[in-house]
Amino acid sequence: QYVAVEQSTEKPSTFIKRVTQNASKSEAADEIGGRTWQRYEGSKYDAL
């Protein structure tokens, strides 16, 4: 399965929408490696 690490200084909302293929922010968040990652769910890609 495909997994990508994406980073940018672009405006967060624009960047997230583009690299997640329009995934939507969910209510869930995960504590990973001492940081809180917000979950995004989409029809094609999911994301942290």
ModelCIF file with pLDDT and N, C-alpha, C, O atoms, coordinates in Angstrom:
data_MODEL
#
_entry.id   MODEL 
#
_entity.id                         1 
_entity.type                       polymer 
_entity.pdbx_number_of_molecules   1 
#
_entity_poly.entity_id                      1 
_entity_poly.type                           'polypeptide(L)' 
_entity_poly.nstd_linkage                   no 
_entity_poly.nstd_monomer                   no 
_entity_poly.pdbx_seq_one_letter_code       QYVAVEQSTEKPSTFIKRVTQNASKSEAADEIGGRTWQRYEGSKYDAL 
_entity_poly.pdbx_seq_one_letter_code_can   QYVAVEQSTEKPSTFIKRVTQNASKSEAADEIGGRTWQRYEGSKYDAL 
_entity_poly.pdbx_strand_id                 A 
#
loop_
_entity_poly_seq.entity_id 
_entity_poly_seq.num 
_entity_poly_seq.mon_id 
_entity_poly_seq.hetero 
1 1  GLN n 
1 2  TYR n 
1 3  VAL n 
1 4  ALA n 
1 5  VAL n 
1 6  GLU n 
1 7  GLN n 
1 8  SER n 
1 9  THR n 
1 10 GLU n 
1 11 LYS n 
1 12 PRO n 
1 13 SER n 
1 14 THR n 
1 15 PHE n 
1 16 ILE n 
1 17 LYS n 
1 18 ARG n 
1 19 VAL n 
1 20 THR n 
1 21 GLN n 
1 22 ASN n 
1 23 ALA n 
1 24 SER n 
1 25 LYS n 
1 26 SER n 
1 27 GLU n 
1 28 ALA n 
1 29 ALA n 
1 30 ASP n 
1 31 GLU n 
1 32 ILE n 
1 33 GLY n 
1 34 GLY n 
1 35 ARG n 
1 36 THR n 
1 37 TRP n 
1 38 GLN n 
1 39 ARG n 
1 40 TYR n 
1 41 GLU n 
1 42 GLY n 
1 43 SER n 
1 44 LYS n 
1 45 TYR n 
1 46 ASP n 
1 47 ALA n 
1 48 LEU n 
#
_struct_asym.id          A 
_struct_asym.entity_id   1 
#
loop_
_ma_qa_metric.id 
_ma_qa_metric.mode 
_ma_qa_metric.name 
_ma_qa_metric.software_group_id 
_ma_qa_metric.type 
1 global pLDDT . pLDDT 
2 local  pLDDT . pLDDT 
#
_ma_qa_metric_global.metric_id      1 
_ma_qa_metric_global.metric_value   96.71 
_ma_qa_metric_global.model_id       1 
_ma_qa_metric_global.ordinal_id     1 
#
loop_
_ma_qa_metric_local.label_asym_id 
_ma_qa_metric_local.label_comp_id 
_ma_qa_metric_local.label_seq_id 
_ma_qa_metric_local.metric_id 
_ma_qa_metric_local.metric_value 
_ma_qa_metric_local.model_id 
_ma_qa_metric_local.ordinal_id 
A GLN 1  2 97.00 1 1  
A TYR 2  2 97.00 1 2  
A VAL 3  2 98.00 1 3  
A ALA 4  2 98.00 1 4  
A VAL 5  2 98.00 1 5  
A GLU 6  2 98.00 1 6  
A GLN 7  2 98.00 1 7  
A SER 8  2 97.00 1 8  
A THR 9  2 97.00 1 9  
A GLU 10 2 96.00 1 10 
A LYS 11 2 96.00 1 11 
A PRO 12 2 97.00 1 12 
A SER 13 2 96.00 1 13 
A THR 14 2 96.00 1 14 
A PHE 15 2 97.00 1 15 
A ILE 16 2 97.00 1 16 
A LYS 17 2 97.00 1 17 
A ARG 18 2 97.00 1 18 
A VAL 19 2 98.00 1 19 
A THR 20 2 97.00 1 20 
A GLN 21 2 96.00 1 21 
A ASN 22 2 97.00 1 22 
A ALA 23 2 98.00 1 23 
A SER 24 2 97.00 1 24 
A LYS 25 2 97.00 1 25 
A SER 26 2 97.00 1 26 
A GLU 27 2 96.00 1 27 
A ALA 28 2 96.00 1 28 
A ALA 29 2 96.00 1 29 
A ASP 30 2 96.00 1 30 
A GLU 31 2 96.00 1 31 
A ILE 32 2 96.00 1 32 
A GLY 33 2 90.00 1 33 
A GLY 34 2 92.00 1 34 
A ARG 35 2 93.00 1 35 
A THR 36 2 96.00 1 36 
A TRP 37 2 98.00 1 37 
A GLN 38 2 98.00 1 38 
A ARG 39 2 98.00 1 39 
A TYR 40 2 98.00 1 40 
A GLU 41 2 98.00 1 41 
A GLY 42 2 97.00 1 42 
A SER 43 2 96.00 1 43 
A LYS 44 2 96.00 1 44 
A TYR 45 2 98.00 1 45 
A ASP 46 2 98.00 1 46 
A ALA 47 2 98.00 1 47 
A LEU 48 2 98.00 1 48 
#
loop_
_atom_site.group_PDB 
_atom_site.id 
_atom_site.type_symbol 
_atom_site.label_atom_id 
_atom_site.label_alt_id 
_atom_site.label_comp_id 
_atom_site.label_asym_id 
_atom_site.label_entity_id 
_atom_site.label_seq_id 
_atom_site.pdbx_PDB_ins_code 
_atom_site.Cartn_x 
_atom_site.Cartn_y 
_atom_site.Cartn_z 
_atom_site.occupancy 
_atom_site.B_iso_or_equiv 
_atom_site.pdbx_formal_charge 
_atom_site.auth_seq_id 
_atom_site.auth_comp_id 
_atom_site.auth_asym_id 
_atom_site.auth_atom_id 
_atom_site.pdbx_PDB_model_num 
ATOM 1   N N  . GLN A 1 1  ? 0.856   -1.185 0.000  1.00 97.00 ? 1  GLN A N  1 
ATOM 2   C CA . GLN A 1 1  ? 0.000   0.000  0.000  1.00 97.00 ? 1  GLN A CA 1 
ATOM 3   C C  . GLN A 1 1  ? 0.899   1.244  0.000  1.00 97.00 ? 1  GLN A C  1 
ATOM 4   O O  . GLN A 1 1  ? 2.014   1.218  0.521  1.00 97.00 ? 1  GLN A O  1 
ATOM 5   N N  . TYR A 1 2  ? 0.399   2.315  -0.586 1.00 97.00 ? 2  TYR A N  1 
ATOM 6   C CA . TYR A 1 2  ? 1.168   3.548  -0.734 1.00 97.00 ? 2  TYR A CA 1 
ATOM 7   C C  . TYR A 1 2  ? 1.137   4.374  0.551  1.00 97.00 ? 2  TYR A C  1 
ATOM 8   O O  . TYR A 1 2  ? 0.087   4.549  1.170  1.00 97.00 ? 2  TYR A O  1 
ATOM 9   N N  . VAL A 1 3  ? 2.311   4.877  0.937  1.00 98.00 ? 3  VAL A N  1 
ATOM 10  C CA . VAL A 1 3  ? 2.451   5.788  2.071  1.00 98.00 ? 3  VAL A CA 1 
ATOM 11  C C  . VAL A 1 3  ? 3.425   6.877  1.647  1.00 98.00 ? 3  VAL A C  1 
ATOM 12  O O  . VAL A 1 3  ? 4.495   6.581  1.114  1.00 98.00 ? 3  VAL A O  1 
ATOM 13  N N  . ALA A 1 4  ? 3.064   8.136  1.881  1.00 98.00 ? 4  ALA A N  1 
ATOM 14  C CA . ALA A 1 4  ? 3.947   9.240  1.514  1.00 98.00 ? 4  ALA A CA 1 
ATOM 15  C C  . ALA A 1 4  ? 4.132   10.187 2.689  1.00 98.00 ? 4  ALA A C  1 
ATOM 16  O O  . ALA A 1 4  ? 3.220   10.414 3.484  1.00 98.00 ? 4  ALA A O  1 
ATOM 17  N N  . VAL A 1 5  ? 5.341   10.732 2.776  1.00 98.00 ? 5  VAL A N  1 
ATOM 18  C CA . VAL A 1 5  ? 5.641   11.803 3.714  1.00 98.00 ? 5  VAL A CA 1 
ATOM 19  C C  . VAL A 1 5  ? 5.695   13.071 2.878  1.00 98.00 ? 5  VAL A C  1 
ATOM 20  O O  . VAL A 1 5  ? 6.473   13.171 1.929  1.00 98.00 ? 5  VAL A O  1 
ATOM 21  N N  . GLU A 1 6  ? 4.867   14.030 3.236  1.00 98.00 ? 6  GLU A N  1 
ATOM 22  C CA . GLU A 1 6  ? 4.787   15.291 2.492  1.00 98.00 ? 6  GLU A CA 1 
ATOM 23  C C  . GLU A 1 6  ? 5.015   16.438 3.473  1.00 98.00 ? 6  GLU A C  1 
ATOM 24  O O  . GLU A 1 6  ? 4.448   16.440 4.565  1.00 98.00 ? 6  GLU A O  1 
ATOM 25  N N  . GLN A 1 7  ? 5.840   17.409 3.092  1.00 98.00 ? 7  GLN A N  1 
ATOM 26  C CA . GLN A 1 7  ? 6.060   18.597 3.917  1.00 98.00 ? 7  GLN A CA 1 
ATOM 27  C C  . GLN A 1 7  ? 6.130   19.823 3.023  1.00 98.00 ? 7  GLN A C  1 
ATOM 28  O O  . GLN A 1 7  ? 6.571   19.757 1.876  1.00 98.00 ? 7  GLN A O  1 
ATOM 29  N N  . SER A 1 8  ? 5.679   20.955 3.581  1.00 97.00 ? 8  SER A N  1 
ATOM 30  C CA . SER A 1 8  ? 5.729   22.192 2.819  1.00 97.00 ? 8  SER A CA 1 
ATOM 31  C C  . SER A 1 8  ? 5.469   23.390 3.729  1.00 97.00 ? 8  SER A C  1 
ATOM 32  O O  . SER A 1 8  ? 4.876   23.272 4.801  1.00 97.00 ? 8  SER A O  1 
ATOM 33  N N  . THR A 1 9  ? 5.935   24.542 3.263  1.00 97.00 ? 9  THR A N  1 
ATOM 34  C CA . THR A 1 9  ? 5.625   25.806 3.939  1.00 97.00 ? 9  THR A CA 1 
ATOM 35  C C  . THR A 1 9  ? 4.395   26.464 3.309  1.00 97.00 ? 9  THR A C  1 
ATOM 36  O O  . THR A 1 9  ? 4.007   27.563 3.705  1.00 97.00 ? 9  THR A O  1 
ATOM 37  N N  . GLU A 1 10 ? 3.787   25.798 2.339  1.00 96.00 ? 10 GLU A N  1 
ATOM 38  C CA . GLU A 1 10 ? 2.574   26.296 1.697  1.00 96.00 ? 10 GLU A CA 1 
ATOM 39  C C  . GLU A 1 10 ? 1.470   26.448 2.744  1.00 96.00 ? 10 GLU A C  1 
ATOM 40  O O  . GLU A 1 10 ? 1.519   25.813 3.798  1.00 96.00 ? 10 GLU A O  1 
ATOM 41  N N  . LYS A 1 11 ? 0.484   27.281 2.457  1.00 96.00 ? 11 LYS A N  1 
ATOM 42  C CA . LYS A 1 11 ? -0.654  27.465 3.355  1.00 96.00 ? 11 LYS A CA 1 
ATOM 43  C C  . LYS A 1 11 ? -1.213  26.084 3.714  1.00 96.00 ? 11 LYS A C  1 
ATOM 44  O O  . LYS A 1 11 ? -1.556  25.313 2.818  1.00 96.00 ? 11 LYS A O  1 
ATOM 45  N N  . PRO A 1 12 ? -1.310  25.757 5.018  1.00 97.00 ? 12 PRO A N  1 
ATOM 46  C CA . PRO A 1 12 ? -1.688  24.395 5.426  1.00 97.00 ? 12 PRO A CA 1 
ATOM 47  C C  . PRO A 1 12 ? -2.959  23.862 4.780  1.00 97.00 ? 12 PRO A C  1 
ATOM 48  O O  . PRO A 1 12 ? -2.960  22.729 4.300  1.00 97.00 ? 12 PRO A O  1 
ATOM 49  N N  . SER A 1 13 ? -4.027  24.628 4.750  1.00 96.00 ? 13 SER A N  1 
ATOM 50  C CA . SER A 1 13 ? -5.290  24.107 4.204  1.00 96.00 ? 13 SER A CA 1 
ATOM 51  C C  . SER A 1 13 ? -5.151  23.725 2.728  1.00 96.00 ? 13 SER A C  1 
ATOM 52  O O  . SER A 1 13 ? -5.681  22.699 2.300  1.00 96.00 ? 13 SER A O  1 
ATOM 53  N N  . THR A 1 14 ? -4.448  24.539 1.957  1.00 96.00 ? 14 THR A N  1 
ATOM 54  C CA . THR A 1 14 ? -4.242  24.258 0.534  1.00 96.00 ? 14 THR A CA 1 
ATOM 55  C C  . THR A 1 14 ? -3.358  23.029 0.348  1.00 96.00 ? 14 THR A C  1 
ATOM 56  O O  . THR A 1 14 ? -3.664  22.144 -0.452 1.00 96.00 ? 14 THR A O  1 
ATOM 57  N N  . PHE A 1 15 ? -2.265  22.986 1.094  1.00 97.00 ? 15 PHE A N  1 
ATOM 58  C CA . PHE A 1 15 ? -1.315  21.881 0.992  1.00 97.00 ? 15 PHE A CA 1 
ATOM 59  C C  . PHE A 1 15 ? -1.962  20.554 1.393  1.00 97.00 ? 15 PHE A C  1 
ATOM 60  O O  . PHE A 1 15 ? -1.836  19.561 0.677  1.00 97.00 ? 15 PHE A O  1 
ATOM 61  N N  . ILE A 1 16 ? -2.647  20.534 2.521  1.00 97.00 ? 16 ILE A N  1 
ATOM 62  C CA . ILE A 1 16 ? -3.272  19.303 3.014  1.00 97.00 ? 16 ILE A CA 1 
ATOM 63  C C  . ILE A 1 16 ? -4.305  18.791 2.010  1.00 97.00 ? 16 ILE A C  1 
ATOM 64  O O  . ILE A 1 16 ? -4.350  17.596 1.716  1.00 97.00 ? 16 ILE A O  1 
ATOM 65  N N  . LYS A 1 17 ? -5.118  19.680 1.496  1.00 97.00 ? 17 LYS A N  1 
ATOM 66  C CA . LYS A 1 17 ? -6.150  19.295 0.530  1.00 97.00 ? 17 LYS A CA 1 
ATOM 67  C C  . LYS A 1 17 ? -5.517  18.665 -0.714 1.00 97.00 ? 17 LYS A C  1 
ATOM 68  O O  . LYS A 1 17 ? -6.017  17.670 -1.238 1.00 97.00 ? 17 LYS A O  1 
ATOM 69  N N  . ARG A 1 18 ? -4.415  19.256 -1.177 1.00 97.00 ? 18 ARG A N  1 
ATOM 70  C CA . ARG A 1 18 ? -3.759  18.767 -2.391 1.00 97.00 ? 18 ARG A CA 1 
ATOM 71  C C  . ARG A 1 18 ? -3.113  17.395 -2.183 1.00 97.00 ? 18 ARG A C  1 
ATOM 72  O O  . ARG A 1 18 ? -3.335  16.488 -2.985 1.00 97.00 ? 18 ARG A O  1 
ATOM 73  N N  . VAL A 1 19 ? -2.324  17.227 -1.128 1.00 98.00 ? 19 VAL A N  1 
ATOM 74  C CA . VAL A 1 19 ? -1.571  15.977 -0.962 1.00 98.00 ? 19 VAL A CA 1 
ATOM 75  C C  . VAL A 1 19 ? -2.409  14.822 -0.422 1.00 98.00 ? 19 VAL A C  1 
ATOM 76  O O  . VAL A 1 19 ? -2.012  13.662 -0.541 1.00 98.00 ? 19 VAL A O  1 
ATOM 77  N N  . THR A 1 20 ? -3.559  15.124 0.167  1.00 97.00 ? 20 THR A N  1 
ATOM 78  C CA . THR A 1 20 ? -4.432  14.048 0.659  1.00 97.00 ? 20 THR A CA 1 
ATOM 79  C C  . THR A 1 20 ? -5.551  13.722 -0.323 1.00 97.00 ? 20 THR A C  1 
ATOM 80  O O  . THR A 1 20 ? -6.423  12.908 -0.019 1.00 97.00 ? 20 THR A O  1 
ATOM 81  N N  . GLN A 1 21 ? -5.536  14.340 -1.483 1.00 96.00 ? 21 GLN A N  1 
ATOM 82  C CA . GLN A 1 21 ? -6.574  14.120 -2.488 1.00 96.00 ? 21 GLN A CA 1 
ATOM 83  C C  . GLN A 1 21 ? -7.953  14.465 -1.921 1.00 96.00 ? 21 GLN A C  1 
ATOM 84  O O  . GLN A 1 21 ? -8.909  13.707 -2.084 1.00 96.00 ? 21 GLN A O  1 
ATOM 85  N N  . ASN A 1 22 ? -8.041  15.629 -1.248 1.00 97.00 ? 22 ASN A N  1 
ATOM 86  C CA . ASN A 1 22 ? -9.296  16.169 -0.710 1.00 97.00 ? 22 ASN A CA 1 
ATOM 87  C C  . ASN A 1 22 ? -9.847  15.420 0.503  1.00 97.00 ? 22 ASN A C  1 
ATOM 88  O O  . ASN A 1 22 ? -11.061 15.392 0.709  1.00 97.00 ? 22 ASN A O  1 
ATOM 89  N N  . ALA A 1 23 ? -8.990  14.829 1.289  1.00 98.00 ? 23 ALA A N  1 
ATOM 90  C CA . ALA A 1 23 ? -9.461  14.180 2.521  1.00 98.00 ? 23 ALA A CA 1 
ATOM 91  C C  . ALA A 1 23 ? -9.978  15.244 3.487  1.00 98.00 ? 23 ALA A C  1 
ATOM 92  O O  . ALA A 1 23 ? -9.554  16.398 3.434  1.00 98.00 ? 23 ALA A O  1 
ATOM 93  N N  . SER A 1 24 ? -10.889 14.851 4.365  1.00 97.00 ? 24 SER A N  1 
ATOM 94  C CA . SER A 1 24 ? -11.495 15.783 5.320  1.00 97.00 ? 24 SER A CA 1 
ATOM 95  C C  . SER A 1 24 ? -10.980 15.528 6.727  1.00 97.00 ? 24 SER A C  1 
ATOM 96  O O  . SER A 1 24 ? -10.718 14.390 7.117  1.00 97.00 ? 24 SER A O  1 
ATOM 97  N N  . LYS A 1 25 ? -10.842 16.607 7.477  1.00 97.00 ? 25 LYS A N  1 
ATOM 98  C CA . LYS A 1 25 ? -10.399 16.516 8.865  1.00 97.00 ? 25 LYS A CA 1 
ATOM 99  C C  . LYS A 1 25 ? -11.458 15.771 9.678  1.00 97.00 ? 25 LYS A C  1 
ATOM 100 O O  . LYS A 1 25 ? -12.648 16.071 9.583  1.00 97.00 ? 25 LYS A O  1 
ATOM 101 N N  . SER A 1 26 ? -11.018 14.806 10.472 1.00 97.00 ? 26 SER A N  1 
ATOM 102 C CA . SER A 1 26 ? -11.949 14.064 11.319 1.00 97.00 ? 26 SER A CA 1 
ATOM 103 C C  . SER A 1 26 ? -11.831 14.576 12.754 1.00 97.00 ? 26 SER A C  1 
ATOM 104 O O  . SER A 1 26 ? -10.997 15.431 13.052 1.00 97.00 ? 26 SER A O  1 
ATOM 105 N N  . GLU A 1 27 ? -12.658 14.053 13.619 1.00 96.00 ? 27 GLU A N  1 
ATOM 106 C CA . GLU A 1 27 ? -12.619 14.429 15.035 1.00 96.00 ? 27 GLU A CA 1 
ATOM 107 C C  . GLU A 1 27 ? -11.467 13.739 15.764 1.00 96.00 ? 27 GLU A C  1 
ATOM 108 O O  . GLU A 1 27 ? -11.060 14.177 16.841 1.00 96.00 ? 27 GLU A O  1 
ATOM 109 N N  . ALA A 1 28 ? -10.945 12.669 15.183 1.00 96.00 ? 28 ALA A N  1 
ATOM 110 C CA . ALA A 1 28 ? -9.932  11.855 15.856 1.00 96.00 ? 28 ALA A CA 1 
ATOM 111 C C  . ALA A 1 28 ? -8.532  12.446 15.699 1.00 96.00 ? 28 ALA A C  1 
ATOM 112 O O  . ALA A 1 28 ? -8.200  13.074 14.694 1.00 96.00 ? 28 ALA A O  1 
ATOM 113 N N  . ALA A 1 29 ? -7.740  12.219 16.721 1.00 96.00 ? 29 ALA A N  1 
ATOM 114 C CA . ALA A 1 29 ? -6.323  12.585 16.698 1.00 96.00 ? 29 ALA A CA 1 
ATOM 115 C C  . ALA A 1 29 ? -5.557  11.457 17.384 1.00 96.00 ? 29 ALA A C  1 
ATOM 116 O O  . ALA A 1 29 ? -6.085  10.788 18.272 1.00 96.00 ? 29 ALA A O  1 
ATOM 117 N N  . ASP A 1 30 ? -4.318  11.252 16.968 1.00 96.00 ? 30 ASP A N  1 
ATOM 118 C CA . ASP A 1 30 ? -3.490  10.193 17.523 1.00 96.00 ? 30 ASP A CA 1 
ATOM 119 C C  . ASP A 1 30 ? -2.234  10.781 18.148 1.00 96.00 ? 30 ASP A C  1 
ATOM 120 O O  . ASP A 1 30 ? -1.606  11.678 17.587 1.00 96.00 ? 30 ASP A O  1 
ATOM 121 N N  . GLU A 1 31 ? -1.878  10.261 19.316 1.00 96.00 ? 31 GLU A N  1 
ATOM 122 C CA . GLU A 1 31 ? -0.632  10.650 19.981 1.00 96.00 ? 31 GLU A CA 1 
ATOM 123 C C  . GLU A 1 31 ? 0.440   9.690  19.476 1.00 96.00 ? 31 GLU A C  1 
ATOM 124 O O  . GLU A 1 31 ? 0.419   8.502  19.798 1.00 96.00 ? 31 GLU A O  1 
ATOM 125 N N  . ILE A 1 32 ? 1.376   10.208 18.685 1.00 96.00 ? 32 ILE A N  1 
ATOM 126 C CA . ILE A 1 32 ? 2.418   9.382  18.073 1.00 96.00 ? 32 ILE A CA 1 
ATOM 127 C C  . ILE A 1 32 ? 3.759   10.064 18.278 1.00 96.00 ? 32 ILE A C  1 
ATOM 128 O O  . ILE A 1 32 ? 3.950   11.212 17.877 1.00 96.00 ? 32 ILE A O  1 
ATOM 129 N N  . GLY A 1 33 ? 4.674   9.364  18.896 1.00 90.00 ? 33 GLY A N  1 
ATOM 130 C CA . GLY A 1 33 ? 6.022   9.907  19.079 1.00 90.00 ? 33 GLY A CA 1 
ATOM 131 C C  . GLY A 1 33 ? 6.047   11.201 19.871 1.00 90.00 ? 33 GLY A C  1 
ATOM 132 O O  . GLY A 1 33 ? 6.888   12.065 19.624 1.00 90.00 ? 33 GLY A O  1 
ATOM 133 N N  . GLY A 1 34 ? 5.138   11.340 20.814 1.00 92.00 ? 34 GLY A N  1 
ATOM 134 C CA . GLY A 1 34 ? 5.110   12.549 21.630 1.00 92.00 ? 34 GLY A CA 1 
ATOM 135 C C  . GLY A 1 34 ? 4.449   13.748 20.971 1.00 92.00 ? 34 GLY A C  1 
ATOM 136 O O  . GLY A 1 34 ? 4.500   14.855 21.506 1.00 92.00 ? 34 GLY A O  1 
ATOM 137 N N  . ARG A 1 35 ? 3.836   13.542 19.823 1.00 93.00 ? 35 ARG A N  1 
ATOM 138 C CA . ARG A 1 35 ? 3.145   14.626 19.120 1.00 93.00 ? 35 ARG A CA 1 
ATOM 139 C C  . ARG A 1 35 ? 1.718   14.211 18.807 1.00 93.00 ? 35 ARG A C  1 
ATOM 140 O O  . ARG A 1 35 ? 1.420   13.025 18.662 1.00 93.00 ? 35 ARG A O  1 
ATOM 141 N N  . THR A 1 36 ? 0.848   15.191 18.706 1.00 96.00 ? 36 THR A N  1 
ATOM 142 C CA . THR A 1 36 ? -0.543  14.916 18.366 1.00 96.00 ? 36 THR A CA 1 
ATOM 143 C C  . THR A 1 36 ? -0.738  15.105 16.865 1.00 96.00 ? 36 THR A C  1 
ATOM 144 O O  . THR A 1 36 ? -0.550  16.199 16.333 1.00 96.00 ? 36 THR A O  1 
ATOM 145 N N  . TRP A 1 37 ? -1.113  14.033 16.201 1.00 98.00 ? 37 TRP A N  1 
ATOM 146 C CA . TRP A 1 37 ? -1.361  14.036 14.760 1.00 98.00 ? 37 TRP A CA 1 
ATOM 147 C C  . TRP A 1 37 ? -2.870  14.015 14.522 1.00 98.00 ? 37 TRP A C  1 
ATOM 148 O O  . TRP A 1 37 ? -3.579  13.168 15.065 1.00 98.00 ? 37 TRP A O  1 
ATOM 149 N N  . GLN A 1 38 ? -3.346  14.937 13.719 1.00 98.00 ? 38 GLN A N  1 
ATOM 150 C CA . GLN A 1 38 ? -4.760  15.014 13.369 1.00 98.00 ? 38 GLN A CA 1 
ATOM 151 C C  . GLN A 1 38 ? -5.060  14.029 12.242 1.00 98.00 ? 38 GLN A C  1 
ATOM 152 O O  . GLN A 1 38 ? -4.304  13.932 11.275 1.00 98.00 ? 38 GLN A O  1 
ATOM 153 N N  . ARG A 1 39 ? -6.159  13.306 12.374 1.00 98.00 ? 39 ARG A N  1 
ATOM 154 C CA . ARG A 1 39 ? -6.561  12.367 11.327 1.00 98.00 ? 39 ARG A CA 1 
ATOM 155 C C  . ARG A 1 39 ? -7.387  13.073 10.250 1.00 98.00 ? 39 ARG A C  1 
ATOM 156 O O  . ARG A 1 39 ? -8.221  13.930 10.541 1.00 98.00 ? 39 ARG A O  1 
ATOM 157 N N  . TYR A 1 40 ? -7.132  12.692 9.017  1.00 98.00 ? 40 TYR A N  1 
ATOM 158 C CA . TYR A 1 40 ? -7.930  13.118 7.863  1.00 98.00 ? 40 TYR A CA 1 
ATOM 159 C C  . TYR A 1 40 ? -8.380  11.847 7.156  1.00 98.00 ? 40 TYR A C  1 
ATOM 160 O O  . TYR A 1 40 ? -7.602  10.904 7.012  1.00 98.00 ? 40 TYR A O  1 
ATOM 161 N N  . GLU A 1 41 ? -9.640  11.821 6.714  1.00 98.00 ? 41 GLU A N  1 
ATOM 162 C CA . GLU A 1 41 ? -10.177 10.657 6.039  1.00 98.00 ? 41 GLU A CA 1 
ATOM 163 C C  . GLU A 1 41 ? -10.693 11.057 4.662  1.00 98.00 ? 41 GLU A C  1 
ATOM 164 O O  . GLU A 1 41 ? -11.347 12.087 4.503  1.00 98.00 ? 41 GLU A O  1 
ATOM 165 N N  . GLY A 1 42 ? -10.387 10.225 3.673  1.00 97.00 ? 42 GLY A N  1 
ATOM 166 C CA . GLY A 1 42 ? -10.809 10.538 2.315  1.00 97.00 ? 42 GLY A CA 1 
ATOM 167 C C  . GLY A 1 42 ? -11.208 9.309  1.545  1.00 97.00 ? 42 GLY A C  1 
ATOM 168 O O  . GLY A 1 42 ? -11.009 8.184  2.004  1.00 97.00 ? 42 GLY A O  1 
ATOM 169 N N  . SER A 1 43 ? -11.774 9.521  0.369  1.00 96.00 ? 43 SER A N  1 
ATOM 170 C CA . SER A 1 43 ? -12.210 8.408  -0.458 1.00 96.00 ? 43 SER A CA 1 
ATOM 171 C C  . SER A 1 43 ? -11.019 7.692  -1.094 1.00 96.00 ? 43 SER A C  1 
ATOM 172 O O  . SER A 1 43 ? -11.088 6.494  -1.370 1.00 96.00 ? 43 SER A O  1 
ATOM 173 N N  . LYS A 1 44 ? -9.930  8.422  -1.327 1.00 96.00 ? 44 LYS A N  1 
ATOM 174 C CA . LYS A 1 44 ? -8.741  7.810  -1.927 1.00 96.00 ? 44 LYS A CA 1 
ATOM 175 C C  . LYS A 1 44 ? -7.634  7.625  -0.891 1.00 96.00 ? 44 LYS A C  1 
ATOM 176 O O  . LYS A 1 44 ? -7.113  6.522  -0.732 1.00 96.00 ? 44 LYS A O  1 
ATOM 177 N N  . TYR A 1 45 ? -7.274  8.697  -0.187 1.00 98.00 ? 45 TYR A N  1 
ATOM 178 C CA . TYR A 1 45 ? -6.193  8.657  0.801  1.00 98.00 ? 45 TYR A CA 1 
ATOM 179 C C  . TYR A 1 45 ? -6.716  9.029  2.181  1.00 98.00 ? 45 TYR A C  1 
ATOM 180 O O  . TYR A 1 45 ? -7.627  9.845  2.317  1.00 98.00 ? 45 TYR A O  1 
ATOM 181 N N  . ASP A 1 46 ? -6.124  8.417  3.197  1.00 98.00 ? 46 ASP A N  1 
ATOM 182 C CA . ASP A 1 46 ? -6.274  8.868  4.573  1.00 98.00 ? 46 ASP A CA 1 
ATOM 183 C C  . ASP A 1 46 ? -4.962  9.545  4.944  1.00 98.00 ? 46 ASP A C  1 
ATOM 184 O O  . ASP A 1 46 ? -3.971  9.410  4.225  1.00 98.00 ? 46 ASP A O  1 
ATOM 185 N N  . ALA A 1 47 ? -4.943  10.273 6.058  1.00 98.00 ? 47 ALA A N  1 
ATOM 186 C CA . ALA A 1 47 ? -3.717  10.993 6.402  1.00 98.00 ? 47 ALA A CA 1 
ATOM 187 C C  . ALA A 1 47 ? -3.629  11.274 7.897  1.00 98.00 ? 47 ALA A C  1 
ATOM 188 O O  . ALA A 1 47 ? -4.630  11.298 8.613  1.00 98.00 ? 47 ALA A O  1 
ATOM 189 N N  . LEU A 1 48 ? -2.405  11.484 8.332  1.00 98.00 ? 48 LEU A N  1 
ATOM 190 C CA . LEU A 1 48 ? -2.093  12.014 9.653  1.00 98.00 ? 48 LEU A CA 1 
ATOM 191 C C  . LEU A 1 48 ? -1.354  13.316 9.405  1.00 98.00 ? 48 LEU A C  1 
ATOM 192 O O  . LEU A 1 48 ? -0.961  13.993 10.355 1.00 98.00 ? 48 LEU A O  1 
#
